């Protein structure tokens, strides 16, 4: 694996990688960030920031001089949940 995941060798559980490479449900996504330049990633982060601000998805930080409104931090690489795992969690939430 190149780019974003170079040298990634988790010592504990990793949602994206198993010891032998990307987990099945991440195989289609794991190489995608490597096709983007750092400028592409920065532009996407700026777009997300702009959308969140326009929609008012912010929170207040009291006691900091840098300003009080911040946007939610979102990962640019989404977390994928396999269907079987999601089904298990969904049934648990519905039970509650």
N, C-alpha and C. Protein backbone atom coordinates (compact mmCIF):
# COMPACT_ATOMS: atom_id res chain seq x y z
N UNK A 1 0.86 -1.17 0.00
CA UNK A 1 0.00 0.00 0.00
C UNK A 1 0.90 1.23 0.00
N UNK A 2 0.54 2.22 -0.77
CA UNK A 2 1.33 3.44 -0.87
C UNK A 2 0.55 4.62 -0.31
N UNK A 3 1.16 5.80 -0.34
CA UNK A 3 0.49 7.04 0.00
C UNK A 3 0.07 7.13 1.45
N UNK A 4 -1.19 7.38 1.66
CA UNK A 4 -1.75 7.64 2.98
C UNK A 4 -1.43 6.53 3.98
N UNK A 5 -1.41 5.30 3.53
CA UNK A 5 -1.25 4.18 4.45
C UNK A 5 0.16 3.58 4.46
N UNK A 6 1.15 4.29 3.92
CA UNK A 6 2.52 3.79 3.90
C UNK A 6 2.99 3.49 5.32
N UNK A 7 3.54 2.33 5.50
CA UNK A 7 4.09 1.96 6.80
C UNK A 7 3.06 1.71 7.88
N UNK A 8 1.80 1.65 7.51
CA UNK A 8 0.76 1.44 8.51
C UNK A 8 0.80 -0.01 8.97
N UNK A 9 1.20 -0.21 10.21
CA UNK A 9 1.25 -1.55 10.79
C UNK A 9 0.68 -1.45 12.20
N UNK A 10 -0.64 -1.59 12.33
CA UNK A 10 -1.25 -1.42 13.64
C UNK A 10 -0.78 -2.48 14.65
N UNK A 11 -0.53 -2.02 15.86
CA UNK A 11 -0.14 -2.94 16.94
C UNK A 11 -1.36 -3.46 17.67
N UNK A 12 -2.49 -2.82 17.48
CA UNK A 12 -3.73 -3.27 18.07
C UNK A 12 -4.77 -3.34 16.95
N UNK A 13 -6.01 -3.61 17.29
CA UNK A 13 -7.06 -3.76 16.29
C UNK A 13 -7.16 -2.52 15.42
N UNK A 14 -7.26 -2.73 14.12
CA UNK A 14 -7.44 -1.65 13.16
C UNK A 14 -8.68 -1.97 12.34
N UNK A 15 -9.56 -0.98 12.18
CA UNK A 15 -10.80 -1.20 11.44
C UNK A 15 -10.57 -1.38 9.95
N UNK A 16 -9.50 -0.78 9.41
CA UNK A 16 -9.24 -0.84 7.98
C UNK A 16 -8.39 -2.05 7.60
N UNK A 17 -7.33 -2.30 8.38
CA UNK A 17 -6.37 -3.33 8.00
C UNK A 17 -6.34 -4.52 8.95
N UNK A 18 -6.28 -5.70 8.35
CA UNK A 18 -5.98 -6.93 9.07
C UNK A 18 -4.47 -7.15 8.89
N UNK A 19 -3.87 -8.08 9.58
CA UNK A 19 -2.43 -8.31 9.43
C UNK A 19 -1.99 -8.58 7.98
N UNK A 20 -2.89 -9.16 7.16
CA UNK A 20 -2.52 -9.50 5.78
C UNK A 20 -2.97 -8.47 4.75
N UNK A 21 -3.49 -7.32 5.17
CA UNK A 21 -3.91 -6.28 4.22
C UNK A 21 -5.28 -5.73 4.57
N UNK A 22 -5.87 -4.94 3.65
CA UNK A 22 -7.17 -4.33 3.94
C UNK A 22 -8.25 -5.38 4.22
N UNK A 23 -9.11 -5.09 5.18
CA UNK A 23 -10.24 -5.97 5.47
C UNK A 23 -11.17 -5.97 4.24
N UNK A 24 -11.91 -7.03 4.08
CA UNK A 24 -12.75 -7.23 2.89
C UNK A 24 -13.61 -6.01 2.58
N UNK A 25 -14.30 -5.48 3.57
CA UNK A 25 -15.22 -4.38 3.32
C UNK A 25 -14.51 -3.06 3.05
N UNK A 26 -13.20 -2.98 3.25
CA UNK A 26 -12.43 -1.77 2.96
C UNK A 26 -11.61 -1.89 1.67
N UNK A 27 -11.61 -3.02 1.02
CA UNK A 27 -10.74 -3.21 -0.15
C UNK A 27 -11.01 -2.20 -1.26
N UNK A 28 -12.24 -1.88 -1.50
CA UNK A 28 -12.57 -0.92 -2.55
C UNK A 28 -12.21 0.51 -2.21
N UNK A 29 -12.06 0.79 -0.94
CA UNK A 29 -11.79 2.16 -0.48
C UNK A 29 -10.34 2.39 -0.09
N UNK A 30 -9.65 1.36 0.36
CA UNK A 30 -8.32 1.52 0.95
C UNK A 30 -7.33 2.23 0.04
N UNK A 31 -7.37 2.01 -1.25
CA UNK A 31 -6.44 2.66 -2.16
C UNK A 31 -6.90 4.00 -2.70
N UNK A 32 -8.15 4.33 -2.49
CA UNK A 32 -8.71 5.57 -3.05
C UNK A 32 -7.99 6.83 -2.57
N UNK A 33 -7.70 6.99 -1.27
CA UNK A 33 -7.01 8.22 -0.86
C UNK A 33 -5.66 8.41 -1.53
N UNK A 34 -5.03 7.32 -1.96
CA UNK A 34 -3.73 7.41 -2.62
C UNK A 34 -3.83 8.05 -4.00
N UNK A 35 -5.04 8.14 -4.56
CA UNK A 35 -5.21 8.76 -5.88
C UNK A 35 -5.38 10.28 -5.75
N UNK A 36 -5.47 10.77 -4.53
CA UNK A 36 -5.67 12.20 -4.29
C UNK A 36 -4.37 12.86 -3.83
N UNK A 37 -4.14 14.07 -4.29
CA UNK A 37 -2.97 14.82 -3.84
C UNK A 37 -3.29 15.48 -2.51
N UNK A 38 -2.26 15.98 -1.84
CA UNK A 38 -2.49 16.69 -0.58
C UNK A 38 -3.34 17.93 -0.83
N UNK A 39 -3.20 18.54 -2.01
CA UNK A 39 -4.05 19.68 -2.36
C UNK A 39 -5.51 19.27 -2.51
N UNK A 40 -5.74 18.09 -3.11
CA UNK A 40 -7.10 17.56 -3.23
C UNK A 40 -7.72 17.35 -1.85
N UNK A 41 -6.95 16.74 -0.96
CA UNK A 41 -7.44 16.47 0.39
C UNK A 41 -7.74 17.78 1.12
N UNK A 42 -6.87 18.77 0.98
CA UNK A 42 -7.08 20.07 1.63
C UNK A 42 -8.32 20.76 1.07
N UNK A 43 -8.52 20.68 -0.25
CA UNK A 43 -9.70 21.29 -0.87
C UNK A 43 -10.98 20.61 -0.38
N UNK A 44 -10.94 19.31 -0.25
CA UNK A 44 -12.12 18.59 0.26
C UNK A 44 -12.41 18.95 1.72
N UNK A 45 -11.34 19.08 2.51
CA UNK A 45 -11.53 19.47 3.91
C UNK A 45 -12.12 20.87 4.00
N UNK A 46 -11.65 21.79 3.15
CA UNK A 46 -12.19 23.15 3.14
C UNK A 46 -13.66 23.16 2.71
N UNK A 47 -14.01 22.33 1.74
CA UNK A 47 -15.40 22.24 1.30
C UNK A 47 -16.30 21.74 2.43
N UNK A 48 -15.86 20.70 3.13
CA UNK A 48 -16.63 20.17 4.26
C UNK A 48 -16.80 21.25 5.32
N UNK A 49 -15.72 21.95 5.65
CA UNK A 49 -15.76 23.04 6.65
C UNK A 49 -16.79 24.10 6.24
N UNK A 50 -16.76 24.48 4.97
CA UNK A 50 -17.69 25.50 4.46
C UNK A 50 -19.14 25.03 4.56
N UNK A 51 -19.40 23.81 4.17
CA UNK A 51 -20.77 23.28 4.23
C UNK A 51 -21.26 23.22 5.67
N UNK A 52 -20.42 22.74 6.58
CA UNK A 52 -20.82 22.66 7.98
C UNK A 52 -21.11 24.05 8.55
N UNK A 53 -20.29 25.03 8.22
CA UNK A 53 -20.53 26.40 8.70
C UNK A 53 -21.84 26.96 8.15
N UNK A 54 -22.06 26.78 6.85
CA UNK A 54 -23.30 27.28 6.23
C UNK A 54 -24.54 26.64 6.84
N UNK A 55 -24.43 25.38 7.21
CA UNK A 55 -25.56 24.66 7.80
C UNK A 55 -25.69 24.90 9.30
N UNK A 56 -24.71 25.60 9.88
CA UNK A 56 -24.75 25.90 11.30
C UNK A 56 -24.39 24.70 12.18
N UNK A 57 -23.62 23.77 11.64
CA UNK A 57 -23.23 22.59 12.39
C UNK A 57 -21.92 22.91 13.10
N UNK A 58 -22.04 23.61 14.20
CA UNK A 58 -20.88 24.07 14.96
C UNK A 58 -21.11 23.84 16.45
N UNK A 59 -20.06 24.02 17.21
CA UNK A 59 -20.19 23.97 18.67
C UNK A 59 -19.34 25.06 19.27
N UNK A 60 -19.70 25.48 20.45
CA UNK A 60 -19.01 26.58 21.12
C UNK A 60 -17.87 26.04 21.98
N UNK A 61 -16.75 26.77 21.95
CA UNK A 61 -15.61 26.45 22.81
C UNK A 61 -15.42 27.66 23.72
N UNK A 62 -15.75 27.48 24.95
CA UNK A 62 -15.66 28.60 25.89
C UNK A 62 -14.27 28.65 26.52
N UNK A 63 -13.78 29.85 26.73
CA UNK A 63 -12.50 30.04 27.38
C UNK A 63 -11.30 30.05 26.45
N UNK A 64 -11.52 29.97 25.13
CA UNK A 64 -10.42 30.04 24.17
C UNK A 64 -10.48 31.36 23.43
N UNK A 65 -9.33 31.99 23.24
CA UNK A 65 -9.26 33.28 22.57
C UNK A 65 -9.38 33.18 21.06
N UNK A 66 -9.17 32.00 20.51
CA UNK A 66 -9.17 31.83 19.05
C UNK A 66 -10.55 31.88 18.43
N UNK A 67 -11.57 32.02 19.20
CA UNK A 67 -12.93 32.04 18.67
C UNK A 67 -13.77 31.00 19.38
N UNK A 68 -15.06 31.17 19.29
CA UNK A 68 -15.92 30.28 20.04
C UNK A 68 -16.62 29.23 19.19
N UNK A 69 -16.70 29.44 17.88
CA UNK A 69 -17.44 28.50 17.04
C UNK A 69 -16.49 27.62 16.24
N UNK A 70 -16.65 26.34 16.40
CA UNK A 70 -15.89 25.36 15.61
C UNK A 70 -16.85 24.41 14.94
N UNK A 71 -16.42 23.89 13.81
CA UNK A 71 -17.24 22.88 13.14
C UNK A 71 -16.88 21.50 13.68
N UNK A 72 -17.79 20.57 13.50
CA UNK A 72 -17.52 19.19 13.89
C UNK A 72 -16.37 18.66 13.06
N UNK A 73 -15.51 17.88 13.65
CA UNK A 73 -14.41 17.25 12.94
C UNK A 73 -14.90 15.94 12.32
N UNK A 74 -14.70 15.81 11.03
CA UNK A 74 -15.13 14.61 10.33
C UNK A 74 -13.93 13.96 9.66
N UNK A 75 -13.87 12.64 9.68
CA UNK A 75 -12.81 11.92 8.99
C UNK A 75 -13.04 12.00 7.49
N UNK A 76 -11.96 12.21 6.74
CA UNK A 76 -12.09 12.21 5.29
C UNK A 76 -12.18 10.79 4.73
N UNK A 77 -11.71 9.83 5.50
CA UNK A 77 -11.86 8.43 5.12
C UNK A 77 -12.98 7.87 5.99
N UNK A 78 -14.11 7.53 5.38
CA UNK A 78 -15.26 7.09 6.18
C UNK A 78 -15.02 5.75 6.87
N UNK A 79 -15.70 5.56 7.94
CA UNK A 79 -15.68 4.28 8.65
C UNK A 79 -16.77 3.41 8.04
N UNK A 80 -16.38 2.25 7.58
CA UNK A 80 -17.33 1.33 6.96
C UNK A 80 -17.70 0.23 7.94
N UNK A 81 -18.96 -0.10 7.96
CA UNK A 81 -19.44 -1.15 8.86
C UNK A 81 -20.06 -2.25 7.99
N UNK A 82 -19.53 -3.47 8.08
CA UNK A 82 -20.09 -4.56 7.27
C UNK A 82 -21.56 -4.79 7.61
N UNK A 83 -22.32 -5.26 6.65
CA UNK A 83 -23.76 -5.44 6.82
C UNK A 83 -24.10 -6.31 8.03
N UNK A 84 -23.38 -7.41 8.23
CA UNK A 84 -23.69 -8.31 9.36
C UNK A 84 -23.47 -7.60 10.69
N UNK A 85 -22.41 -6.82 10.78
CA UNK A 85 -22.14 -6.09 12.02
C UNK A 85 -23.20 -5.01 12.24
N UNK A 86 -23.58 -4.33 11.17
CA UNK A 86 -24.61 -3.29 11.30
C UNK A 86 -25.93 -3.91 11.73
N UNK A 87 -26.28 -5.05 11.15
CA UNK A 87 -27.53 -5.72 11.51
C UNK A 87 -27.54 -6.06 13.00
N UNK A 88 -26.43 -6.56 13.51
CA UNK A 88 -26.31 -6.91 14.93
C UNK A 88 -26.52 -5.66 15.80
N UNK A 89 -25.87 -4.57 15.44
CA UNK A 89 -26.00 -3.33 16.21
C UNK A 89 -27.41 -2.75 16.11
N UNK A 90 -27.98 -2.81 14.92
CA UNK A 90 -29.33 -2.28 14.72
C UNK A 90 -30.34 -3.02 15.58
N UNK A 91 -30.22 -4.35 15.64
CA UNK A 91 -31.13 -5.12 16.47
C UNK A 91 -30.95 -4.78 17.95
N UNK A 92 -29.73 -4.55 18.37
CA UNK A 92 -29.46 -4.17 19.75
C UNK A 92 -30.05 -2.81 20.08
N UNK A 93 -29.95 -1.85 19.15
CA UNK A 93 -30.51 -0.51 19.40
C UNK A 93 -32.03 -0.56 19.43
N UNK A 94 -32.62 -1.34 18.54
CA UNK A 94 -34.08 -1.45 18.51
C UNK A 94 -34.59 -2.09 19.79
N UNK A 95 -33.82 -3.00 20.34
CA UNK A 95 -34.20 -3.67 21.59
C UNK A 95 -34.28 -2.68 22.76
N UNK A 96 -33.43 -1.72 22.73
CA UNK A 96 -33.39 -0.74 23.83
C UNK A 96 -34.52 0.23 23.69
